[in-house]
Amino acid sequence: MPMTNTPTTRKSRTIAKIRPEFCTGCEACIAVAPHDTCFVKAGNDLTVPTALVVCEVQTDVCIGCTLCPRICPWDAITMVPRVS
């Protein structure tokens, strides 16, 4: 039986988490993310008075690549353990 190269779907141990109190909505994380849908712009829920629009992580799409916390100019992104 021939072997096929089918990609396996593995979840990373960590995912990105945005601290909305530091996010300015600059979209640096969106620009660097390997998947177009890792981050989305979202309206502020008024608990963070400093920004009207912030970015949010789509946890089901995040692959834990760690690019976003390295590129964020506001240190608004941290890597946290993935909760199953």
Protein backbone atom coordinates (compact mmCIF):
# COMPACT_ATOMS: atom_id res chain seq x y z
CA MET A 1 0.00 0.00 0.00
CA PRO A 2 1.56 3.37 -1.00
CA MET A 3 2.00 6.04 1.62
CA THR A 4 0.41 9.39 1.01
CA ASN A 5 1.56 12.73 2.27
CA THR A 6 -1.60 13.90 3.93
CA PRO A 7 -1.05 16.76 6.34
CA THR A 8 -1.93 16.09 9.93
CA THR A 9 -3.78 18.64 11.95
CA ARG A 10 -2.01 19.20 15.21
CA LYS A 11 -2.92 21.84 17.72
CA SER A 12 -0.12 23.86 19.26
CA ARG A 13 0.33 23.91 23.00
CA THR A 14 0.04 27.68 23.11
CA ILE A 15 -2.09 30.30 21.41
CA ALA A 16 -1.97 34.07 21.16
CA LYS A 17 -3.97 36.20 23.55
CA ILE A 18 -4.51 39.92 23.08
CA ARG A 19 -4.71 42.17 26.10
CA PRO A 20 -7.33 44.67 24.87
CA GLU A 21 -6.22 47.37 27.28
CA PHE A 22 -2.94 47.62 25.32
CA CYS A 23 -4.24 46.95 21.79
CA THR A 24 -4.50 50.01 19.54
CA GLY A 25 -5.94 48.20 16.53
CA CYS A 26 -2.79 48.91 14.49
CA GLU A 27 -3.18 45.59 12.61
CA ALA A 28 0.51 44.59 12.86
CA CYS A 29 -0.62 41.15 14.07
CA ILE A 30 -2.96 40.78 11.10
CA ALA A 31 -0.14 41.62 8.69
CA VAL A 32 2.28 39.03 10.11
CA ALA A 33 -0.14 36.15 10.77
CA PRO A 34 0.41 33.11 8.53
CA HIS A 35 -3.36 32.60 8.21
CA ASP A 36 -5.56 35.43 7.00
CA THR A 37 -8.16 34.71 9.63
CA CYS A 38 -6.02 34.42 12.79
CA PHE A 39 -7.03 37.92 13.86
CA VAL A 40 -10.12 40.03 13.29
CA LYS A 41 -10.94 43.62 14.10
CA ALA A 42 -13.63 43.91 16.74
CA GLY A 43 -15.53 46.74 18.33
CA ASN A 44 -14.67 47.77 21.83
CA ASP A 45 -17.07 46.60 24.50
CA LEU A 46 -16.54 49.91 26.32
CA THR A 47 -14.54 48.28 29.12
CA VAL A 48 -11.41 49.60 27.44
CA PRO A 49 -11.87 53.36 27.02
CA THR A 50 -8.58 53.94 25.18
CA ALA A 51 -9.48 52.25 21.90
CA LEU A 52 -12.57 52.09 19.76
CA VAL A 53 -11.47 49.08 17.73
CA VAL A 54 -9.15 46.30 18.85
CA CYS A 55 -7.94 43.05 17.30
CA GLU A 56 -9.12 39.67 18.53
CA VAL A 57 -7.55 36.23 18.20
CA GLN A 58 -9.55 33.50 16.50
CA THR A 59 -8.41 30.70 18.83
CA ASP A 60 -9.61 27.90 16.57
CA VAL A 61 -7.36 29.21 13.76
CA CYS A 62 -4.29 30.26 15.78
CA ILE A 63 -1.40 27.86 15.17
CA GLY A 64 0.82 29.19 17.96
CA CYS A 65 3.57 30.42 15.63
CA THR A 66 4.64 33.22 18.07
CA LEU A 67 5.14 35.78 15.28
CA CYS A 68 2.47 38.17 16.53
CA PRO A 69 3.87 38.84 20.04
CA ARG A 70 7.27 39.52 18.51
CA ILE A 71 5.88 42.07 16.04
CA CYS A 72 3.32 43.85 18.25
CA PRO A 73 4.66 47.37 18.92
CA TRP A 74 2.47 47.73 22.02
CA ASP A 75 3.28 44.39 23.75
CA ALA A 76 -0.44 43.64 23.68
CA ILE A 77 -0.05 39.98 22.70
CA THR A 78 1.12 37.13 24.91
CA MET A 79 1.21 33.39 24.35
CA VAL A 80 -0.93 31.37 26.74
CA PRO A 81 -1.55 27.62 27.14
CA ARG A 82 -4.22 26.27 24.81
CA VAL A 83 -7.28 25.12 26.72
CA SER A 84 -8.88 22.06 25.20
